[in-house]
Amino acid sequence: MPDIYRYFGFVFFFHSNEHDPIHVHVQHDHHESVFEILMENGAVSNINVRDKKGVPPLSSKEKRQAEAFVREYADNIVAKWVNFFIKKKRVVCTTIKKRMK
């Protein structure tokens, strides 16, 4: 279960046995939601948010913050997904220390 990003208390990660569509789990203070990155013609077309069953979801504010991060880093998240699940490469967790605007 690799962590791919850490951002001011948020942890963005994949489970090791994931499935399509491309998605990233986001956890903050024992709450978690899932952000699906939908692709069309090789580009991000939409991001859907869903709650994970059996886990308290992120608050509305946390979802907005996490979605903004996913939108900003979507191409990088997709690249990490491809490297980990398709190319079977190790992915490195990146800690972001500068707040997004």
PDB file of N, CA and C in Angstrom:
ATOM      1  N   MET A   1       0.851  -1.166   0.000  1.00  0.00           N
ATOM      2  CA  MET A   1       0.000   0.000   0.000  1.00  0.00           C
ATOM      3  C   MET A   1       0.900   1.234   0.000  1.00  0.00           C
ATOM      4  N   PRO A   2       1.329   1.673  -1.167  1.00  0.00           N
ATOM      5  CA  PRO A   2       2.276   2.787  -1.194  1.00  0.00           C
ATOM      6  C   PRO A   2       1.614   4.153  -0.991  1.00  0.00           C
ATOM      7  N   ASP A   3       2.230   4.947  -0.119  1.00  0.00           N
ATOM      8  CA  ASP A   3       1.867   6.352  -0.021  1.00  0.00           C
ATOM      9  C   ASP A   3       2.514   7.049  -1.207  1.00  0.00           C
ATOM     10  N   ILE A   4       1.789   7.972  -1.841  1.00  0.00           N
ATOM     11  CA  ILE A   4       2.374   8.672  -2.985  1.00  0.00           C
ATOM     12  C   ILE A   4       2.573  10.155  -2.706  1.00  0.00           C
ATOM     13  N   TYR A   5       1.760  10.739  -1.822  1.00  0.00           N
ATOM     14  CA  TYR A   5       1.923  12.144  -1.444  1.00  0.00           C
ATOM     15  C   TYR A   5       1.532  12.320   0.014  1.00  0.00           C
ATOM     16  N   ARG A   6       2.180  13.291   0.648  1.00  0.00           N
ATOM     17  CA  ARG A   6       1.786  13.785   1.960  1.00  0.00           C
ATOM     18  C   ARG A   6       1.681  15.304   1.819  1.00  0.00           C
ATOM     19  N   TYR A   7       0.564  15.840   2.325  1.00  0.00           N
ATOM     20  CA  TYR A   7       0.297  17.267   2.175  1.00  0.00           C
ATOM     21  C   TYR A   7      -0.467  17.774   3.385  1.00  0.00           C
ATOM     22  N   PHE A   8       0.212  18.425   4.302  1.00  0.00           N
ATOM     23  CA  PHE A   8      -0.398  19.066   5.468  1.00  0.00           C
ATOM     24  C   PHE A   8      -1.435  18.178   6.162  1.00  0.00           C
ATOM     25  N   GLY A   9      -1.041  16.970   6.542  1.00  0.00           N
ATOM     26  CA  GLY A   9      -1.914  16.050   7.269  1.00  0.00           C
ATOM     27  C   GLY A   9      -2.693  15.096   6.383  1.00  0.00           C
ATOM     28  N   PHE A  10      -2.742  15.343   5.082  1.00  0.00           N
ATOM     29  CA  PHE A  10      -3.392  14.441   4.146  1.00  0.00           C
ATOM     30  C   PHE A  10      -2.374  13.407   3.664  1.00  0.00           C
ATOM     31  N   VAL A  11      -2.813  12.164   3.549  1.00  0.00           N
ATOM     32  CA  VAL A  11      -1.988  11.113   2.978  1.00  0.00           C
ATOM     33  C   VAL A  11      -2.729  10.583   1.753  1.00  0.00           C
ATOM     34  N   PHE A  12      -2.067  10.593   0.615  1.00  0.00           N
ATOM     35  CA  PHE A  12      -2.612  10.116  -0.656  1.00  0.00           C
ATOM     36  C   PHE A  12      -1.924   8.793  -0.951  1.00  0.00           C
ATOM     37  N   PHE A  13      -2.707   7.737  -1.205  1.00  0.00           N
ATOM     38  CA  PHE A  13      -2.095   6.423  -1.370  1.00  0.00           C
ATOM     39  C   PHE A  13      -2.919   5.515  -2.277  1.00  0.00           C
ATOM     40  N   PHE A  14      -2.258   4.450  -2.731  1.00  0.00           N
ATOM     41  CA  PHE A  14      -2.901   3.374  -3.477  1.00  0.00           C
ATOM     42  C   PHE A  14      -2.925   2.144  -2.574  1.00  0.00           C
ATOM     43  N   HIS A  15      -3.910   1.284  -2.783  1.00  0.00           N
ATOM     44  CA  HIS A  15      -3.855  -0.064  -2.218  1.00  0.00           C
ATOM     45  C   HIS A  15      -3.099  -0.921  -3.222  1.00  0.00           C
ATOM     46  N   SER A  16      -2.470  -1.978  -2.768  1.00  0.00           N
ATOM     47  CA  SER A  16      -1.639  -2.778  -3.664  1.00  0.00           C
ATOM     48  C   SER A  16      -2.455  -3.637  -4.619  1.00  0.00           C
ATOM     49  N   ASN A  17      -3.727  -3.806  -4.383  1.00  0.00           N
ATOM     50  CA  ASN A  17      -4.574  -4.627  -5.264  1.00  0.00           C
ATOM     51  C   ASN A  17      -5.700  -3.796  -5.875  1.00  0.00           C
ATOM     52  N   GLU A  18      -5.348  -2.701  -6.509  1.00  0.00           N
ATOM     53  CA  GLU A  18      -6.333  -1.754  -7.029  1.00  0.00           C
ATOM     54  C   GLU A  18      -6.987  -2.229  -8.325  1.00  0.00           C
ATOM     55  N   HIS A  19      -7.934  -1.456  -8.770  1.00  0.00           N
ATOM     56  CA  HIS A  19      -8.754  -1.754  -9.940  1.00  0.00           C
ATOM     57  C   HIS A  19      -9.043  -0.447 -10.666  1.00  0.00           C
ATOM     58  N   ASP A  20      -9.503  -0.556 -11.897  1.00  0.00           N
ATOM     59  CA  ASP A  20      -9.908   0.638 -12.642  1.00  0.00           C
ATOM     60  C   ASP A  20     -11.221   1.157 -12.091  1.00  0.00           C
ATOM     61  N   PRO A  21     -11.519   2.430 -12.232  1.00  0.00           N
ATOM     62  CA  PRO A  21     -10.719   3.475 -12.850  1.00  0.00           C
ATOM     63  C   PRO A  21      -9.557   3.877 -11.948  1.00  0.00           C
ATOM     64  N   ILE A  22      -8.626   4.624 -12.514  1.00  0.00           N
ATOM     65  CA  ILE A  22      -7.512   5.138 -11.729  1.00  0.00           C
ATOM     66  C   ILE A  22      -8.104   5.940 -10.575  1.00  0.00           C
ATOM     67  N   HIS A  23      -7.619   5.673  -9.388  1.00  0.00           N
ATOM     68  CA  HIS A  23      -8.118   6.419  -8.232  1.00  0.00           C
ATOM     69  C   HIS A  23      -7.056   6.455  -7.143  1.00  0.00           C
ATOM     70  N   VAL A  24      -7.215   7.391  -6.247  1.00  0.00           N
ATOM     71  CA  VAL A  24      -6.303   7.559  -5.126  1.00  0.00           C
ATOM     72  C   VAL A  24      -7.132   7.685  -3.856  1.00  0.00           C
ATOM     73  N   HIS A  25      -6.683   7.011  -2.813  1.00  0.00           N
ATOM     74  CA  HIS A  25      -7.313   7.111  -1.505  1.00  0.00           C
ATOM     75  C   HIS A  25      -6.685   8.294  -0.788  1.00  0.00           C
ATOM     76  N   VAL A  26      -7.508   9.037  -0.060  1.00  0.00           N
ATOM     77  CA  VAL A  26      -7.004  10.191   0.685  1.00  0.00           C
ATOM     78  C   VAL A  26      -7.484  10.054   2.121  1.00  0.00           C
ATOM     79  N   GLN A  27      -6.520  10.088   3.035  1.00  0.00           N
ATOM     80  CA  GLN A  27      -6.824   9.935   4.453  1.00  0.00           C
ATOM     81  C   GLN A  27      -6.378  11.180   5.201  1.00  0.00           C
ATOM     82  N   HIS A  28      -7.202  11.564   6.175  1.00  0.00           N
ATOM     83  CA  HIS A  28      -6.877  12.696   7.048  1.00  0.00           C
ATOM     84  C   HIS A  28      -7.556  12.448   8.380  1.00  0.00           C
ATOM     85  N   ASP A  29      -6.762  12.375   9.442  1.00  0.00           N
ATOM     86  CA  ASP A  29      -7.315  12.149  10.797  1.00  0.00           C
ATOM     87  C   ASP A  29      -8.294  10.973  10.850  1.00  0.00           C
ATOM     88  N   HIS A  30      -7.915   9.823  10.340  1.00  0.00           N
ATOM     89  CA  HIS A  30      -8.705   8.580  10.373  1.00  0.00           C
ATOM     90  C   HIS A  30      -9.995   8.653   9.553  1.00  0.00           C
ATOM     91  N   HIS A  31     -10.106   9.650   8.692  1.00  0.00           N
ATOM     92  CA  HIS A  31     -11.211   9.748   7.749  1.00  0.00           C
ATOM     93  C   HIS A  31     -10.637   9.499   6.359  1.00  0.00           C
ATOM     94  N   GLU A  32     -11.457   8.959   5.469  1.00  0.00           N
ATOM     95  CA  GLU A  32     -10.940   8.621   4.144  1.00  0.00           C
ATOM     96  C   GLU A  32     -12.016   8.749   3.074  1.00  0.00           C
ATOM     97  N   SER A  33     -11.610   9.244   1.929  1.00  0.00           N
ATOM     98  CA  SER A  33     -12.458   9.278   0.739  1.00  0.00           C
ATOM     99  C   SER A  33     -11.592   8.858  -0.446  1.00  0.00           C
ATOM    100  N   VAL A  34     -12.251   8.539  -1.551  1.00  0.00           N
ATOM    101  CA  VAL A  34     -11.568   8.039  -2.741  1.00  0.00           C
ATOM    102  C   VAL A  34     -11.851   8.994  -3.899  1.00  0.00           C
ATOM    103  N   PHE A  35     -10.815   9.339  -4.639  1.00  0.00           N
ATOM    104  CA  PHE A  35     -10.915  10.272  -5.755  1.00  0.00           C
ATOM    105  C   PHE A  35     -10.575   9.514  -7.038  1.00  0.00           C
ATOM    106  N   GLU A  36     -11.579   9.366  -7.910  1.00  0.00           N
ATOM    107  CA  GLU A  36     -11.394   8.672  -9.186  1.00  0.00           C
ATOM    108  C   GLU A  36     -10.997   9.684 -10.251  1.00  0.00           C
ATOM    109  N   ILE A  37      -9.940   9.365 -10.987  1.00  0.00           N
ATOM    110  CA  ILE A  37      -9.450  10.240 -12.055  1.00  0.00           C
ATOM    111  C   ILE A  37      -9.868   9.620 -13.377  1.00  0.00           C
ATOM    112  N   LEU A  38     -10.814  10.257 -14.047  1.00  0.00           N
ATOM    113  CA  LEU A  38     -11.328   9.743 -15.307  1.00  0.00           C
ATOM    114  C   LEU A  38     -10.565  10.365 -16.464  1.00  0.00           C
ATOM    115  N   MET A  39     -10.180   9.519 -17.407  1.00  0.00           N
ATOM    116  CA  MET A  39      -9.364   9.940 -18.539  1.00  0.00           C
ATOM    117  C   MET A  39     -10.170   9.818 -19.832  1.00  0.00           C
ATOM    118  N   GLU A  40      -9.899  10.745 -20.759  1.00  0.00           N
ATOM    119  CA  GLU A  40     -10.503  10.705 -22.089  1.00  0.00           C
ATOM    120  C   GLU A  40      -9.457  11.202 -23.073  1.00  0.00           C
ATOM    121  N   ASN A  41      -9.141  10.378 -24.060  1.00  0.00           N
ATOM    122  CA  ASN A  41      -8.124  10.721 -25.061  1.00  0.00           C
ATOM    123  C   ASN A  41      -6.790  11.114 -24.424  1.00  0.00           C
ATOM    124  N   GLY A  42      -6.412  10.383 -23.368  1.00  0.00           N
ATOM    125  CA  GLY A  42      -5.122  10.613 -22.727  1.00  0.00           C
ATOM    126  C   GLY A  42      -5.046  11.809 -21.803  1.00  0.00           C
ATOM    127  N   ALA A  43      -6.165  12.468 -21.555  1.00  0.00           N
ATOM    128  CA  ALA A  43      -6.170  13.635 -20.672  1.00  0.00           C
ATOM    129  C   ALA A  43      -7.220  13.449 -19.572  1.00  0.00           C
ATOM    130  N   VAL A  44      -6.991  14.080 -18.447  1.00  0.00           N
ATOM    131  CA  VAL A  44      -7.955  14.018 -17.346  1.00  0.00           C
ATOM    132  C   VAL A  44      -9.233  14.720 -17.780  1.00  0.00           C
ATOM    133  N   SER A  45     -10.356  14.015 -17.695  1.00  0.00           N
ATOM    134  CA  SER A  45     -11.630  14.604 -18.099  1.00  0.00           C
ATOM    135  C   SER A  45     -12.518  14.951 -16.909  1.00  0.00           C
ATOM    136  N   ASN A  46     -12.342  14.232 -15.800  1.00  0.00           N
ATOM    137  CA  ASN A  46     -13.186  14.492 -14.642  1.00  0.00           C
ATOM    138  C   ASN A  46     -12.587  13.824 -13.419  1.00  0.00           C
ATOM    139  N   ILE A  47     -12.963  14.309 -12.247  1.00  0.00           N
ATOM    140  CA  ILE A  47     -12.574  13.683 -10.989  1.00  0.00           C
ATOM    141  C   ILE A  47     -13.845  13.481 -10.177  1.00  0.00           C
ATOM    142  N   ASN A  48     -14.097  12.229  -9.809  1.00  0.00           N
ATOM    143  CA  ASN A  48     -15.252  11.883  -8.993  1.00  0.00           C
ATOM    144  C   ASN A  48     -14.785  11.538  -7.585  1.00  0.00           C
ATOM    145  N   VAL A  49     -15.583  11.920  -6.605  1.00  0.00           N
ATOM    146  CA  VAL A  49     -15.267  11.638  -5.206  1.00  0.00           C
ATOM    147  C   VAL A  49     -16.304  10.664  -4.677  1.00  0.00           C
ATOM    148  N   ARG A  50     -15.818   9.659  -3.953  1.00  0.00           N
ATOM    149  CA  ARG A  50     -16.751   8.741  -3.300  1.00  0.00           C
ATOM    150  C   ARG A  50     -16.216   8.410  -1.919  1.00  0.00           C
ATOM    151  N   ASP A  51     -17.116   8.023  -1.041  1.00  0.00           N
ATOM    152  CA  ASP A  51     -16.718   7.624   0.297  1.00  0.00           C
ATOM    153  C   ASP A  51     -16.351   6.149   0.289  1.00  0.00           C
ATOM    154  N   LYS A  52     -15.439   5.765   1.159  1.00  0.00           N
ATOM    155  CA  LYS A  52     -15.038   4.370   1.281  1.00  0.00           C
ATOM    156  C   LYS A  52     -15.936   3.705   2.313  1.00  0.00           C
ATOM    157  N   LYS A  53     -16.475   2.557   1.955  1.00  0.00           N
ATOM    158  CA  LYS A  53     -17.380   1.844   2.854  1.00  0.00           C
ATOM    159  C   LYS A  53     -16.662   1.450   4.143  1.00  0.00           C
ATOM    160  N   GLY A  54     -17.348   1.669   5.260  1.00  0.00           N
ATOM    161  CA  GLY A  54     -16.830   1.254   6.548  1.00  0.00           C
ATOM    162  C   GLY A  54     -15.821   2.197   7.177  1.00  0.00           C
ATOM    163  N   VAL A  55     -15.575   3.340   6.540  1.00  0.00           N
ATOM    164  CA  VAL A  55     -14.612   4.312   7.064  1.00  0.00           C
ATOM    165  C   VAL A  55     -15.279   5.683   7.076  1.00  0.00           C
ATOM    166  N   PRO A  56     -15.134   6.444   8.149  1.00  0.00           N
ATOM    167  CA  PRO A  56     -15.719   7.793   8.141  1.00  0.00           C
ATOM    168  C   PRO A  56     -15.126   8.609   6.991  1.00  0.00           C
ATOM    169  N   PRO A  57     -15.966   9.317   6.229  1.00  0.00           N
ATOM    170  CA  PRO A  57     -15.463  10.098   5.092  1.00  0.00           C
ATOM    171  C   PRO A  57     -14.797  11.395   5.532  1.00  0.00           C
ATOM    172  N   LEU A  58     -14.017  11.943   4.640  1.00  0.00           N
ATOM    173  CA  LEU A  58     -13.465  13.277   4.857  1.00  0.00           C
ATOM    174  C   LEU A  58     -14.619  14.263   5.013  1.00  0.00           C
ATOM    175  N   SER A  59     -14.396  15.324   5.764  1.00  0.00           N
ATOM    176  CA  SER A  59     -15.407  16.372   5.880  1.00  0.00           C
ATOM    177  C   SER A  59     -15.534  17.078   4.531  1.00  0.00           C
ATOM    178  N   SER A  60     -16.561  17.880   4.373  1.00  0.00           N
ATOM    179  CA  SER A  60     -16.752  18.626   3.124  1.00  0.00           C
ATOM    180  C   SER A  60     -15.553  19.522   2.835  1.00  0.00           C
ATOM    181  N   LYS A  61     -15.044  20.187   3.851  1.00  0.00           N
ATOM    182  CA  LYS A  61     -13.880  21.061   3.671  1.00  0.00           C
ATOM    183  C   LYS A  61     -12.655  20.245   3.262  1.00  0.00           C
ATOM    184  N   GLU A  62     -12.442  19.122   3.923  1.00  0.00           N
ATOM    185  CA  GLU A  62     -11.302  18.266   3.593  1.00  0.00           C
ATOM    186  C   GLU A  62     -11.431  17.708   2.170  1.00  0.00           C
ATOM    187  N   LYS A  63     -12.646  17.350   1.771  1.00  0.00           N
ATOM    188  CA  LYS A  63     -12.858  16.860   0.401  1.00  0.00           C
ATOM    189  C   LYS A  63     -12.501  17.934  -0.618  1.00  0.00           C
ATOM    190  N   ARG A  64     -12.906  19.172  -0.351  1.00  0.00           N
ATOM    191  CA  ARG A  64     -12.575  20.274  -1.273  1.00  0.00           C
ATOM    192  C   ARG A  64     -11.059  20.457  -1.369  1.00  0.00           C
ATOM    193  N   GLN A  65     -10.380  20.427  -0.218  1.00  0.00           N
ATOM    194  CA  GLN A  65      -8.924  20.581  -0.215  1.00  0.00           C
ATOM    195  C   GLN A  65      -8.250  19.423  -0.947  1.00  0.00           C
ATOM    196  N   ALA A  66      -8.694  18.210  -0.664  1.00  0.00           N
ATOM    197  CA  ALA A  66      -8.101  17.029  -1.295  1.00  0.00           C
ATOM    198  C   ALA A  66      -8.389  17.018  -2.792  1.00  0.00           C
ATOM    199  N   GLU A  67      -9.600  17.398  -3.184  1.00  0.00           N
ATOM    200  CA  GLU A  67      -9.926  17.425  -4.618  1.00  0.00           C
ATOM    201  C   GLU A  67      -9.079  18.469  -5.347  1.00  0.00           C
ATOM    202  N   ALA A  68      -8.865  19.612  -4.728  1.00  0.00           N
ATOM    203  CA  ALA A  68      -8.012  20.635  -5.341  1.00  0.00           C
ATOM    204  C   ALA A  68      -6.599  20.081  -5.539  1.00  0.00           C
ATOM    205  N   PHE A  69      -6.106  19.339  -4.562  1.00  0.00           N
ATOM    206  CA  PHE A  69      -4.784  18.734  -4.674  1.00  0.00           C
ATOM    207  C   PHE A  69      -4.769  17.698  -5.807  1.00  0.00           C
ATOM    208  N   VAL A  70      -5.775  16.837  -5.844  1.00  0.00           N
ATOM    209  CA  VAL A  70      -5.846  15.801  -6.892  1.00  0.00           C
ATOM    210  C   VAL A  70      -5.907  16.459  -8.268  1.00  0.00           C
ATOM    211  N   ARG A  71      -6.679  17.517  -8.412  1.00  0.00           N
ATOM    212  CA  ARG A  71      -6.745  18.219  -9.706  1.00  0.00           C
ATOM    213  C   ARG A  71      -5.374  18.781 -10.089  1.00  0.00           C
ATOM    214  N   GLU A  72      -4.702  19.376  -9.133  1.00  0.00           N
ATOM    215  CA  GLU A  72      -3.382  19.973  -9.393  1.00  0.00           C
ATOM    216  C   GLU A  72      -2.340  18.917  -9.764  1.00  0.00           C
ATOM    217  N   TYR A  73      -2.417  17.757  -9.125  1.00  0.00           N
ATOM    218  CA  TYR A  73      -1.393  16.717  -9.303  1.00  0.00           C
ATOM    219  C   TYR A  73      -1.912  15.502 -10.083  1.00  0.00           C
ATOM    220  N   ALA A  74      -3.026  15.635 -10.765  1.00  0.00           N
ATOM    221  CA  ALA A  74      -3.651  14.493 -11.446  1.00  0.00           C
ATOM    222  C   ALA A  74      -2.702  13.797 -12.411  1.00  0.00           C
ATOM    223  N   ASP A  75      -1.992  14.543 -13.230  1.00  0.00           N
ATOM    224  CA  ASP A  75      -1.077  13.919 -14.189  1.00  0.00           C
ATOM    225  C   ASP A  75       0.016  13.129 -13.462  1.00  0.00           C
ATOM    226  N   ASN A  76       0.522  13.663 -12.364  1.00  0.00           N
ATOM    227  CA  ASN A  76       1.550  12.969 -11.587  1.00  0.00           C
ATOM    228  C   ASN A  76       0.980  11.724 -10.910  1.00  0.00           C
ATOM    229  N   ILE A  77      -0.256  11.815 -10.417  1.00  0.00           N
ATOM    230  CA  ILE A  77      -0.900  10.659  -9.789  1.00  0.00           C
ATOM    231  C   ILE A  77      -1.085   9.554 -10.827  1.00  0.00           C
ATOM    232  N   VAL A  78      -1.528   9.921 -12.019  1.00  0.00           N
ATOM    233  CA  VAL A  78      -1.703   8.934 -13.099  1.00  0.00           C
ATOM    234  C   VAL A  78      -0.354   8.304 -13.444  1.00  0.00           C
ATOM    235  N   ALA A  79       0.699   9.111 -13.518  1.00  0.00           N
ATOM    236  CA  ALA A  79       2.032   8.573 -13.825  1.00  0.00           C
ATOM    237  C   ALA A  79       2.491   7.595 -12.743  1.00  0.00           C
ATOM    238  N   LYS A  80       2.238   7.925 -11.487  1.00  0.00           N
ATOM    239  CA  LYS A  80       2.605   7.013 -10.395  1.00  0.00           C
ATOM    240  C   LYS A  80       1.782   5.733 -10.464  1.00  0.00           C
ATOM    241  N   TRP A  81       0.502   5.853 -10.834  1.00  0.00           N
ATOM    242  CA  TRP A  81      -0.368   4.671 -10.996  1.00  0.00           C
ATOM    243  C   TRP A  81       0.207   3.748 -12.074  1.00  0.00           C
ATOM    244  N   VAL A  82       0.539   4.317 -13.218  1.00  0.00           N
ATOM    245  CA  VAL A  82       1.087   3.534 -14.334  1.00  0.00           C
ATOM    246  C   VAL A  82       2.403   2.880 -13.916  1.00  0.00           C
ATOM    247  N   ASN A  83       3.272   3.642 -13.285  1.00  0.00           N
ATOM    248  CA  ASN A  83       4.550   3.069 -12.847  1.00  0.00           C
ATOM    249  C   ASN A  83       4.351   1.917 -11.872  1.00  0.00           C
ATOM    250  N   PHE A  84       3.449   2.068 -10.920  1.00  0.00           N
ATOM    251  CA  PHE A  84       3.254   1.044  -9.892  1.00  0.00           C
ATOM    252  C   PHE A  84       2.481  -0.165 -10.406  1.00  0.00           C
ATOM    253  N   PHE A  85       1.344   0.078 -11.063  1.00  0.00           N
ATOM    254  CA  PHE A  85       0.476  -1.042 -11.430  1.00  0.00           C
ATOM    255  C   PHE A  85       0.779  -1.652 -12.792  1.00  0.00           C
ATOM    256  N   ILE A  86       1.236  -0.862 -13.742  1.00  0.00           N
ATOM    257  CA  ILE A  86       1.500  -1.365 -15.092  1.00  0.00           C
ATOM    258  C   ILE A  86       2.967  -1.777 -15.238  1.00  0.00           C
ATOM    259  N   LYS A  87       3.862  -0.866 -14.889  1.00  0.00           N
ATOM    260  CA  LYS A  87       5.293  -1.113 -15.076  1.00  0.00           C
ATOM    261  C   LYS A  87       5.933  -1.838 -13.900  1.00  0.00           C
ATOM    262  N   LYS A  88       5.148  -2.006 -12.806  1.00  0.00           N
ATOM    263  CA  LYS A  88       5.616  -2.714 -11.604  1.00  0.00           C
ATOM    264  C   LYS A  88       6.869  -2.086 -11.011  1.00  0.00           C
ATOM    265  N   LYS A  89       6.922  -0.760 -11.038  1.00  0.00           N
ATOM    266  CA  LYS A  89       8.039  -0.019 -10.469  1.00  0.00           C
ATOM    267  C   LYS A  89       7.674   0.484  -9.083  1.00  0.00           C
ATOM    268  N   ARG A  90       8.679   0.721  -8.292  1.00  0.00           N
ATOM    269  CA  ARG A  90       8.489   1.298  -6.972  1.00  0.00           C
ATOM    270  C   ARG A  90       8.144   2.786  -7.138  1.00  0.00           C
ATOM    271  N   VAL A  91       7.230   3.280  -6.339  1.00  0.00           N
ATOM    272  CA  VAL A  91       6.916   4.708  -6.363  1.00  0.00           C
ATOM    273  C   VAL A  91       7.371   5.330  -5.046  1.00  0.00           C
ATOM    274  N   VAL A  92       7.785   6.567  -5.132  1.00  0.00           N
ATOM    275  CA  VAL A  92       8.307   7.279  -3.978  1.00  0.00           C
ATOM    276  C   VAL A  92       7.258   8.277  -3.489  1.00  0.00           C
ATOM    277  N   CYS A  93       7.106   8.343  -2.184  1.00  0.00           N
ATOM    278  CA  CYS A  93       6.190   9.314  -1.584  1.00  0.00           C
ATOM    279  C   CYS A  93       6.843  10.690  -1.608  1.00  0.00           C
ATOM    280  N   THR A  94       6.079  11.667  -2.061  1.00  0.00           N
ATOM    281  CA  THR A  94       6.543  13.046  -2.113  1.00  0.00           C
ATOM    282  C   THR A  94       5.805  13.851  -1.054  1.00  0.00           C
ATOM    283  N   THR A  95       6.556  14.549  -0.218  1.00  0.00           N
ATOM    284  CA  THR A  95       5.945  15.431   0.776  1.00  0.00           C
ATOM    285  C   THR A  95       5.925  16.844   0.201  1.00  0.00           C
ATOM    286  N   ILE A  96       4.732  17.414   0.114  1.00  0.00           N
ATOM    287  CA  ILE A  96       4.547  18.762  -0.405  1.00  0.00           C
ATOM    288  C   ILE A  96       4.480  19.701   0.797  1.00  0.00           C
ATOM    289  N   LYS A  97       5.407  20.655   0.878  1.00  0.00           N
ATOM    290  CA  LYS A  97       5.499  21.547   2.033  1.00  0.00           C
ATOM    291  C   LYS A  97       5.039  22.970   1.737  1.00  0.00           C
ATOM    292  N   LYS A  98       4.611  23.191   0.504  1.00  0.00           N
ATOM    293  CA  LYS A  98       4.133  24.527   0.139  1.00  0.00           C
ATOM    294  C   LYS A  98       2.628  24.434  -0.110  1.00  0.00           C
ATOM    295  N   ARG A  99       1.877  25.272   0.570  1.00  0.00           N
ATOM    296  CA  ARG A  99       0.415  25.245   0.411  1.00  0.00           C
ATOM    297  C   ARG A  99       0.018  25.692  -0.982  1.00  0.00           C
ATOM    298  N   MET A 100      -1.004  25.034  -1.519  1.00  0.00           N
ATOM    299  CA  MET A 100      -1.565  25.430  -2.800  1.00  0.00           C
ATOM    300  C   MET A 100      -2.430  26.661  -2.585  1.00  0.00           C
ATOM    301  N   LYS A 101      -2.607  27.442  -3.632  1.00  0.00           N
ATOM    302  CA  LYS A 101      -3.449  28.643  -3.526  1.00  0.00           C
ATOM    303  C   LYS A 101      -4.837  28.351  -3.970  1.00  0.00           C
TER     304      LYS A 101
END
